[in-house]
C-alpha cells in the first residue's frame, strides 16, 4: 500500500510538472510573437513632428552651453557642416535627433538637409527611439523661422 501511495504521488508530480511546463512553453511562444510585432513596429517608427534646428551635432556634444541656435551660423555652424560634421535635428525641447533616411539600406540625407542648416523648422516623418537615442526619417520640412 505504501509503495502504491508513493507511486501515485510521483505520477501526480509528473502530471502537474508537465502541465506547468506546457503553460510555460505557451507563455514563451506568446511572448515571442509579441516581440516580433514590436520589431516590425520599431522598423517603421511612429509618425511624428519635431520643431527644432538643423545643425551639426559635434558642437552640441563639445559645448555644453550651446542652445542649438547660432546668432551667426556663418561663423561656426556652416563651416563645421561643410567640413563634414554630422547633421542632426535639435528639437525645441533639447532632444537631439539623428538623421536617417526613410529607405533601407539607409541613404545619405546630407544634401537634402544642407539648405535648412541653422533654420528653425517643423520636420514631419517617422520617429524612432532606441536606448535613449532618437532619430527621424524626415518626409516633410516646413521652415518656421531663421
N, C-alpha and C. Protein backbone atom coordinates (compact mmCIF):
# COMPACT_ATOMS: atom_id res chain seq x y z
N UNK A 1 0.83 -1.20 0.00
CA UNK A 1 0.00 0.00 0.00
C UNK A 1 0.86 1.25 0.00
N UNK A 2 1.93 1.24 0.81
CA UNK A 2 2.82 2.39 0.91
C UNK A 2 3.47 2.67 -0.45
N UNK A 3 3.89 1.57 -1.18
CA UNK A 3 4.50 1.73 -2.49
C UNK A 3 3.50 2.33 -3.49
N UNK A 4 2.27 1.93 -3.35
CA UNK A 4 1.22 2.42 -4.25
C UNK A 4 0.99 3.92 -4.04
N UNK A 5 1.00 4.38 -2.78
CA UNK A 5 0.83 5.80 -2.47
C UNK A 5 1.99 6.60 -3.03
N UNK A 6 3.20 6.09 -2.88
CA UNK A 6 4.40 6.78 -3.39
C UNK A 6 4.32 6.85 -4.92
N UNK A 7 3.94 5.75 -5.54
CA UNK A 7 3.83 5.73 -7.00
C UNK A 7 2.79 6.74 -7.49
N UNK A 8 1.65 6.83 -6.85
CA UNK A 8 0.61 7.79 -7.21
C UNK A 8 1.12 9.21 -7.01
N UNK A 9 1.85 9.46 -5.92
CA UNK A 9 2.39 10.80 -5.64
C UNK A 9 3.39 11.21 -6.71
N UNK A 10 4.27 10.28 -7.09
CA UNK A 10 5.27 10.58 -8.12
C UNK A 10 4.59 10.84 -9.46
N UNK A 11 3.62 10.01 -9.81
CA UNK A 11 2.88 10.23 -11.06
C UNK A 11 2.16 11.58 -11.03
N UNK A 12 1.62 11.96 -9.90
CA UNK A 12 0.95 13.25 -9.76
C UNK A 12 1.91 14.40 -10.00
N UNK A 13 3.13 14.26 -9.45
CA UNK A 13 4.15 15.30 -9.67
C UNK A 13 4.49 15.44 -11.15
N UNK A 14 4.63 14.31 -11.85
CA UNK A 14 4.91 14.36 -13.29
C UNK A 14 3.78 15.04 -14.06
N UNK A 15 2.56 14.72 -13.70
CA UNK A 15 1.41 15.30 -14.39
C UNK A 15 1.34 16.81 -14.14
N UNK A 16 1.49 17.23 -12.88
CA UNK A 16 1.45 18.66 -12.54
C UNK A 16 2.62 19.38 -13.19
N UNK A 17 3.81 18.78 -13.10
CA UNK A 17 5.00 19.38 -13.70
C UNK A 17 4.86 19.53 -15.20
N UNK A 18 4.29 18.51 -15.85
CA UNK A 18 4.07 18.58 -17.30
C UNK A 18 3.10 19.69 -17.66
N UNK A 19 2.06 19.87 -16.87
CA UNK A 19 1.09 20.94 -17.12
C UNK A 19 1.73 22.30 -16.95
N UNK A 20 2.57 22.45 -15.93
CA UNK A 20 3.26 23.72 -15.72
C UNK A 20 4.22 24.00 -16.87
N UNK A 21 4.94 22.97 -17.32
CA UNK A 21 5.87 23.15 -18.43
C UNK A 21 5.13 23.56 -19.69
N UNK A 22 4.00 22.92 -19.95
CA UNK A 22 3.22 23.27 -21.15
C UNK A 22 2.74 24.71 -21.07
N UNK A 23 2.29 25.13 -19.89
CA UNK A 23 1.86 26.52 -19.70
C UNK A 23 3.00 27.49 -19.90
N UNK A 24 4.18 27.13 -19.40
CA UNK A 24 5.36 27.98 -19.55
C UNK A 24 5.73 28.09 -21.03
N UNK A 25 5.69 26.95 -21.75
CA UNK A 25 6.02 26.96 -23.17
C UNK A 25 5.02 27.81 -23.97
N UNK A 26 3.74 27.73 -23.63
CA UNK A 26 2.74 28.57 -24.30
C UNK A 26 3.02 30.05 -24.06
N UNK A 27 3.36 30.39 -22.81
CA UNK A 27 3.67 31.79 -22.47
C UNK A 27 4.88 32.28 -23.24
N UNK A 28 5.90 31.43 -23.39
CA UNK A 28 7.10 31.81 -24.14
C UNK A 28 6.77 32.04 -25.62
N UNK A 29 5.92 31.19 -26.17
CA UNK A 29 5.54 31.33 -27.57
C UNK A 29 4.77 32.63 -27.79
N UNK A 30 3.86 32.96 -26.87
CA UNK A 30 3.10 34.21 -27.00
C UNK A 30 4.02 35.41 -26.84
N UNK A 31 4.97 35.33 -25.92
CA UNK A 31 5.93 36.42 -25.73
C UNK A 31 6.77 36.62 -26.98
N UNK A 32 7.17 35.51 -27.61
CA UNK A 32 7.96 35.59 -28.82
C UNK A 32 7.17 36.26 -29.94
N UNK A 33 5.89 35.92 -30.07
CA UNK A 33 5.04 36.55 -31.09
C UNK A 33 4.92 38.04 -30.82
N UNK A 34 4.76 38.44 -29.56
CA UNK A 34 4.63 39.85 -29.21
C UNK A 34 5.91 40.60 -29.55
N UNK A 35 7.09 40.01 -29.30
CA UNK A 35 8.33 40.72 -29.58
C UNK A 35 8.56 40.84 -31.08
N UNK A 36 8.06 39.90 -31.88
CA UNK A 36 8.16 40.04 -33.34
C UNK A 36 7.31 41.20 -33.82
N UNK A 37 6.14 41.40 -33.25
CA UNK A 37 5.30 42.53 -33.62
C UNK A 37 6.02 43.82 -33.28
N UNK A 38 6.62 43.88 -32.10
CA UNK A 38 7.35 45.08 -31.69
C UNK A 38 8.48 45.37 -32.66
N UNK A 39 9.19 44.34 -33.12
CA UNK A 39 10.30 44.54 -34.04
C UNK A 39 9.82 45.19 -35.33
N UNK A 40 8.69 44.75 -35.85
CA UNK A 40 8.15 45.34 -37.07
C UNK A 40 7.79 46.80 -36.83
N UNK A 41 7.15 47.09 -35.68
CA UNK A 41 6.80 48.47 -35.35
C UNK A 41 8.06 49.33 -35.22
N UNK A 42 9.10 48.78 -34.60
CA UNK A 42 10.33 49.54 -34.44
C UNK A 42 10.98 49.83 -35.80
N UNK A 43 10.87 48.90 -36.74
CA UNK A 43 11.44 49.11 -38.07
C UNK A 43 10.77 50.27 -38.78
N UNK A 44 9.48 50.46 -38.55
CA UNK A 44 8.74 51.51 -39.24
C UNK A 44 8.69 52.82 -38.48
N UNK A 45 9.04 52.82 -37.20
CA UNK A 45 8.95 54.02 -36.39
C UNK A 45 7.50 54.45 -36.20
N UNK A 46 7.32 55.62 -35.65
CA UNK A 46 5.98 56.16 -35.46
C UNK A 46 5.90 57.52 -36.15
N UNK A 47 4.74 57.85 -36.64
CA UNK A 47 4.56 59.16 -37.28
C UNK A 47 4.74 60.24 -36.22
N UNK A 48 5.45 61.31 -36.58
CA UNK A 48 5.65 62.39 -35.63
C UNK A 48 6.12 63.66 -36.29
N UNK A 49 6.06 64.73 -35.53
CA UNK A 49 6.52 66.04 -35.97
C UNK A 49 7.42 66.61 -34.90
N UNK A 50 8.54 67.19 -35.31
CA UNK A 50 9.51 67.76 -34.38
C UNK A 50 9.82 69.18 -34.83
N UNK A 51 9.71 70.13 -33.90
CA UNK A 51 10.13 71.50 -34.16
C UNK A 51 11.55 71.66 -33.61
N UNK A 52 12.43 72.27 -34.41
CA UNK A 52 13.79 72.46 -33.94
C UNK A 52 14.67 73.05 -35.02
N UNK A 53 15.99 72.85 -34.84
CA UNK A 53 17.00 73.41 -35.73
C UNK A 53 17.84 72.30 -36.34
N UNK A 54 18.11 72.39 -37.64
CA UNK A 54 19.07 71.50 -38.29
C UNK A 54 20.43 72.11 -38.03
N UNK A 55 21.32 71.30 -37.49
CA UNK A 55 22.65 71.81 -37.14
C UNK A 55 23.64 70.67 -37.02
N UNK A 56 24.91 71.02 -36.80
CA UNK A 56 25.91 69.98 -36.60
C UNK A 56 25.75 69.45 -35.17
N UNK A 57 26.12 68.20 -34.98
CA UNK A 57 25.97 67.62 -33.64
C UNK A 57 27.25 67.69 -32.82
N UNK A 58 28.39 67.82 -33.47
CA UNK A 58 29.67 67.82 -32.74
C UNK A 58 29.73 68.95 -31.71
N UNK A 59 29.30 70.15 -32.09
CA UNK A 59 29.34 71.29 -31.18
C UNK A 59 28.43 71.06 -29.97
N UNK A 60 27.31 70.43 -30.20
CA UNK A 60 26.38 70.19 -29.08
C UNK A 60 27.01 69.28 -28.03
N UNK A 61 27.80 68.32 -28.47
CA UNK A 61 28.46 67.43 -27.52
C UNK A 61 29.64 68.11 -26.84
N UNK A 62 30.36 68.93 -27.57
CA UNK A 62 31.57 69.56 -27.02
C UNK A 62 31.28 70.81 -26.22
N UNK A 63 30.27 71.57 -26.61
CA UNK A 63 29.97 72.85 -25.97
C UNK A 63 28.68 72.72 -25.18
N UNK A 64 28.79 72.50 -23.88
CA UNK A 64 27.61 72.28 -23.05
C UNK A 64 26.73 73.53 -22.93
N UNK A 65 27.27 74.70 -23.23
CA UNK A 65 26.49 75.94 -23.15
C UNK A 65 25.68 76.20 -24.41
N UNK A 66 25.91 75.40 -25.45
CA UNK A 66 25.23 75.63 -26.71
C UNK A 66 23.75 75.31 -26.58
N UNK A 67 22.92 76.25 -27.02
CA UNK A 67 21.46 76.07 -27.00
C UNK A 67 20.97 75.55 -28.34
N UNK A 68 21.87 75.44 -29.31
CA UNK A 68 21.46 74.92 -30.60
C UNK A 68 21.27 75.97 -31.66
N UNK A 69 20.96 77.18 -31.23
CA UNK A 69 20.80 78.25 -32.20
C UNK A 69 22.13 78.99 -32.30
N UNK A 70 22.30 79.69 -33.36
CA UNK A 70 23.52 80.46 -33.54
C UNK A 70 23.15 81.82 -34.10
N UNK A 71 23.62 82.87 -33.42
CA UNK A 71 23.34 84.21 -33.92
C UNK A 71 24.09 84.47 -35.22
N UNK A 72 25.17 83.72 -35.44
CA UNK A 72 25.95 83.87 -36.66
C UNK A 72 26.32 82.49 -37.20
N UNK A 73 25.39 81.85 -37.93
CA UNK A 73 25.67 80.50 -38.43
C UNK A 73 26.90 80.42 -39.33
N UNK A 74 27.23 81.52 -39.99
CA UNK A 74 28.39 81.53 -40.89
C UNK A 74 29.70 81.38 -40.11
N UNK A 75 29.71 81.75 -38.84
CA UNK A 75 30.94 81.73 -38.05
C UNK A 75 31.36 80.32 -37.66
N UNK A 76 30.42 79.47 -37.29
CA UNK A 76 30.80 78.14 -36.80
C UNK A 76 29.96 77.02 -37.42
N UNK A 77 28.67 77.19 -37.38
CA UNK A 77 27.76 76.12 -37.79
C UNK A 77 27.99 75.66 -39.23
N UNK A 78 27.96 76.58 -40.15
CA UNK A 78 28.09 76.22 -41.56
C UNK A 78 29.50 75.71 -41.87
N UNK A 79 30.58 76.33 -41.37
CA UNK A 79 31.91 75.75 -41.63
C UNK A 79 32.06 74.33 -41.07
N UNK A 80 31.49 74.06 -39.90
CA UNK A 80 31.56 72.71 -39.33
C UNK A 80 30.84 71.70 -40.22
N UNK A 81 29.67 72.09 -40.70
CA UNK A 81 28.90 71.19 -41.56
C UNK A 81 29.61 70.97 -42.89
N UNK A 82 30.16 72.05 -43.46
CA UNK A 82 30.88 71.91 -44.72
C UNK A 82 32.11 71.03 -44.56
N UNK A 83 32.68 71.03 -43.35
CA UNK A 83 33.87 70.21 -43.08
C UNK A 83 33.50 68.74 -42.83
N UNK A 84 32.21 68.44 -42.73
CA UNK A 84 31.79 67.05 -42.60
C UNK A 84 31.21 66.66 -41.25
N UNK A 85 30.98 67.64 -40.36
CA UNK A 85 30.39 67.31 -39.06
C UNK A 85 29.02 66.67 -39.26
N UNK A 86 28.66 65.71 -38.43
CA UNK A 86 27.35 65.07 -38.56
C UNK A 86 26.22 66.09 -38.38
N UNK A 87 25.12 65.89 -39.12
CA UNK A 87 23.97 66.78 -39.04
C UNK A 87 22.89 66.12 -38.20
N UNK A 88 22.26 66.92 -37.35
CA UNK A 88 21.16 66.42 -36.53
C UNK A 88 20.07 67.46 -36.44
N UNK A 89 18.98 67.08 -35.82
CA UNK A 89 17.87 67.99 -35.57
C UNK A 89 17.78 68.17 -34.06
N UNK A 90 18.05 69.39 -33.60
CA UNK A 90 17.93 69.69 -32.18
C UNK A 90 16.54 70.24 -31.94
N UNK A 91 15.71 69.44 -31.28
CA UNK A 91 14.33 69.82 -31.02
C UNK A 91 14.26 70.95 -30.01
N UNK A 92 13.16 71.69 -30.05
CA UNK A 92 12.97 72.80 -29.11
C UNK A 92 13.04 72.34 -27.66
N UNK A 93 12.71 71.08 -27.39
CA UNK A 93 12.76 70.58 -26.01
C UNK A 93 14.15 70.07 -25.62
N UNK A 94 15.14 70.20 -26.53
CA UNK A 94 16.51 69.80 -26.23
C UNK A 94 16.86 68.39 -26.68
N UNK A 95 15.92 67.64 -27.21
CA UNK A 95 16.20 66.29 -27.70
C UNK A 95 16.94 66.37 -29.02
N UNK A 96 18.00 65.60 -29.14
CA UNK A 96 18.78 65.57 -30.37
C UNK A 96 18.38 64.35 -31.20
N UNK A 97 17.96 64.60 -32.44
CA UNK A 97 17.55 63.54 -33.36
C UNK A 97 18.62 63.33 -34.42
N UNK A 98 19.05 62.10 -34.58
CA UNK A 98 19.93 61.74 -35.68
C UNK A 98 19.08 61.67 -36.94
N UNK A 99 19.72 61.91 -38.07
CA UNK A 99 19.01 61.88 -39.34
C UNK A 99 19.20 60.53 -39.99
N UNK A 100 18.10 59.89 -40.36
CA UNK A 100 18.16 58.65 -41.13
C UNK A 100 17.21 58.81 -42.31
N UNK A 101 17.40 57.99 -43.31
CA UNK A 101 16.51 58.07 -44.46
C UNK A 101 15.29 57.19 -44.23
N UNK A 102 14.32 57.33 -45.07
CA UNK A 102 13.12 56.50 -44.99
C UNK A 102 13.27 55.21 -45.77
N UNK A 103 14.48 54.91 -46.24
CA UNK A 103 14.72 53.73 -47.07
C UNK A 103 15.72 52.79 -46.40
N UNK A 104 15.65 51.53 -46.78
CA UNK A 104 16.66 50.55 -46.40
C UNK A 104 17.23 49.94 -47.66
N UNK A 105 18.52 49.88 -47.86
CA UNK A 105 19.52 50.39 -46.95
C UNK A 105 19.44 51.91 -46.85
N UNK A 106 19.88 52.41 -45.71
CA UNK A 106 19.82 53.84 -45.43
C UNK A 106 20.62 54.61 -46.47
N UNK A 107 20.11 55.77 -46.88
CA UNK A 107 20.81 56.60 -47.85
C UNK A 107 21.21 57.91 -47.19
N UNK A 108 22.16 58.60 -47.77
CA UNK A 108 22.69 59.85 -47.23
C UNK A 108 21.65 60.97 -47.39
N UNK A 109 21.29 61.61 -46.30
CA UNK A 109 20.31 62.69 -46.30
C UNK A 109 20.97 64.08 -46.27
N UNK A 110 22.28 64.12 -46.25
CA UNK A 110 23.03 65.36 -46.06
C UNK A 110 22.67 66.44 -47.09
N UNK A 111 22.69 66.11 -48.36
CA UNK A 111 22.42 67.11 -49.40
C UNK A 111 21.01 67.68 -49.29
N UNK A 112 20.08 66.83 -48.91
CA UNK A 112 18.69 67.26 -48.75
C UNK A 112 18.54 68.25 -47.59
N UNK A 113 19.40 68.12 -46.56
CA UNK A 113 19.27 68.94 -45.35
C UNK A 113 20.10 70.22 -45.37
N UNK A 114 21.12 70.29 -46.21
CA UNK A 114 22.01 71.46 -46.22
C UNK A 114 21.29 72.80 -46.36
N UNK A 115 20.25 72.93 -47.18
CA UNK A 115 19.57 74.22 -47.30
C UNK A 115 18.86 74.66 -46.01
N UNK A 116 18.67 73.74 -45.07
CA UNK A 116 17.92 74.04 -43.85
C UNK A 116 18.80 74.26 -42.63
N UNK A 117 20.12 74.19 -42.80
CA UNK A 117 21.05 74.34 -41.67
C UNK A 117 20.86 75.69 -41.00
N UNK A 118 20.70 75.66 -39.68
CA UNK A 118 20.57 76.89 -38.90
C UNK A 118 19.18 77.49 -38.90
N UNK A 119 18.25 76.87 -39.57
CA UNK A 119 16.89 77.41 -39.64
C UNK A 119 15.98 76.68 -38.67
N UNK A 120 15.03 77.42 -38.13
CA UNK A 120 14.02 76.82 -37.24
C UNK A 120 12.94 76.23 -38.13
N UNK A 121 12.62 74.97 -37.91
CA UNK A 121 11.69 74.31 -38.81
C UNK A 121 10.80 73.29 -38.10
N UNK A 122 9.83 72.84 -38.84
CA UNK A 122 8.93 71.77 -38.41
C UNK A 122 9.21 70.61 -39.35
N UNK A 123 9.70 69.51 -38.77
CA UNK A 123 10.02 68.32 -39.56
C UNK A 123 9.02 67.22 -39.24
N UNK A 124 8.41 66.67 -40.27
CA UNK A 124 7.46 65.58 -40.09
C UNK A 124 8.01 64.33 -40.76
N UNK A 125 7.74 63.19 -40.15
CA UNK A 125 8.21 61.93 -40.72
C UNK A 125 8.04 60.80 -39.74
N UNK A 126 8.94 59.83 -39.82
CA UNK A 126 8.91 58.67 -38.94
C UNK A 126 9.96 58.87 -37.85
N UNK A 127 9.53 58.75 -36.60
CA UNK A 127 10.38 59.00 -35.44
C UNK A 127 10.73 57.66 -34.78
N UNK A 128 11.98 57.54 -34.35
CA UNK A 128 12.48 56.32 -33.75
C UNK A 128 13.16 56.64 -32.42
N UNK A 129 13.13 55.68 -31.49
CA UNK A 129 13.82 55.83 -30.22
C UNK A 129 14.37 54.46 -29.84
N UNK A 130 15.63 54.45 -29.44
CA UNK A 130 16.24 53.20 -29.00
C UNK A 130 17.37 53.50 -28.03
N UNK A 131 17.25 52.95 -26.85
CA UNK A 131 18.31 53.08 -25.85
C UNK A 131 18.64 54.52 -25.50
N UNK A 132 17.67 55.39 -25.53
CA UNK A 132 17.90 56.79 -25.21
C UNK A 132 18.29 57.65 -26.41
N UNK A 133 18.57 57.04 -27.54
CA UNK A 133 18.89 57.78 -28.76
C UNK A 133 17.61 57.99 -29.56
N UNK A 134 17.58 59.08 -30.31
CA UNK A 134 16.42 59.41 -31.13
C UNK A 134 16.85 59.62 -32.57
N UNK A 135 15.96 59.31 -33.49
CA UNK A 135 16.23 59.52 -34.92
C UNK A 135 14.93 59.90 -35.60
N UNK A 136 15.08 60.55 -36.74
CA UNK A 136 13.91 60.90 -37.54
C UNK A 136 14.24 60.70 -39.01
N UNK A 137 13.30 60.09 -39.72
CA UNK A 137 13.37 59.99 -41.17
C UNK A 137 12.39 61.05 -41.68
N UNK A 138 12.93 62.19 -42.10
CA UNK A 138 12.10 63.34 -42.48
C UNK A 138 11.42 63.10 -43.82
N UNK A 139 10.12 63.33 -43.83
CA UNK A 139 9.33 63.23 -45.06
C UNK A 139 8.91 64.62 -45.56
N UNK A 140 8.76 65.58 -44.62
CA UNK A 140 8.33 66.92 -44.99
C UNK A 140 9.00 67.93 -44.06
N UNK A 141 9.49 69.04 -44.64
CA UNK A 141 10.13 70.11 -43.88
C UNK A 141 9.40 71.41 -44.17
N UNK A 142 9.09 72.14 -43.11
CA UNK A 142 8.48 73.45 -43.23
C UNK A 142 9.31 74.43 -42.40
N UNK A 143 9.90 75.45 -43.03
CA UNK A 143 10.68 76.45 -42.31
C UNK A 143 9.72 77.35 -41.56
N UNK A 144 9.95 77.51 -40.24
CA UNK A 144 9.07 78.38 -39.44
C UNK A 144 9.83 79.56 -38.85
N UNK A 145 11.11 79.69 -39.19
CA UNK A 145 11.91 80.83 -38.74
C UNK A 145 13.37 80.60 -39.01
N UNK A 146 14.13 81.68 -38.90
CA UNK A 146 15.59 81.58 -39.10
C UNK A 146 16.27 81.29 -37.79
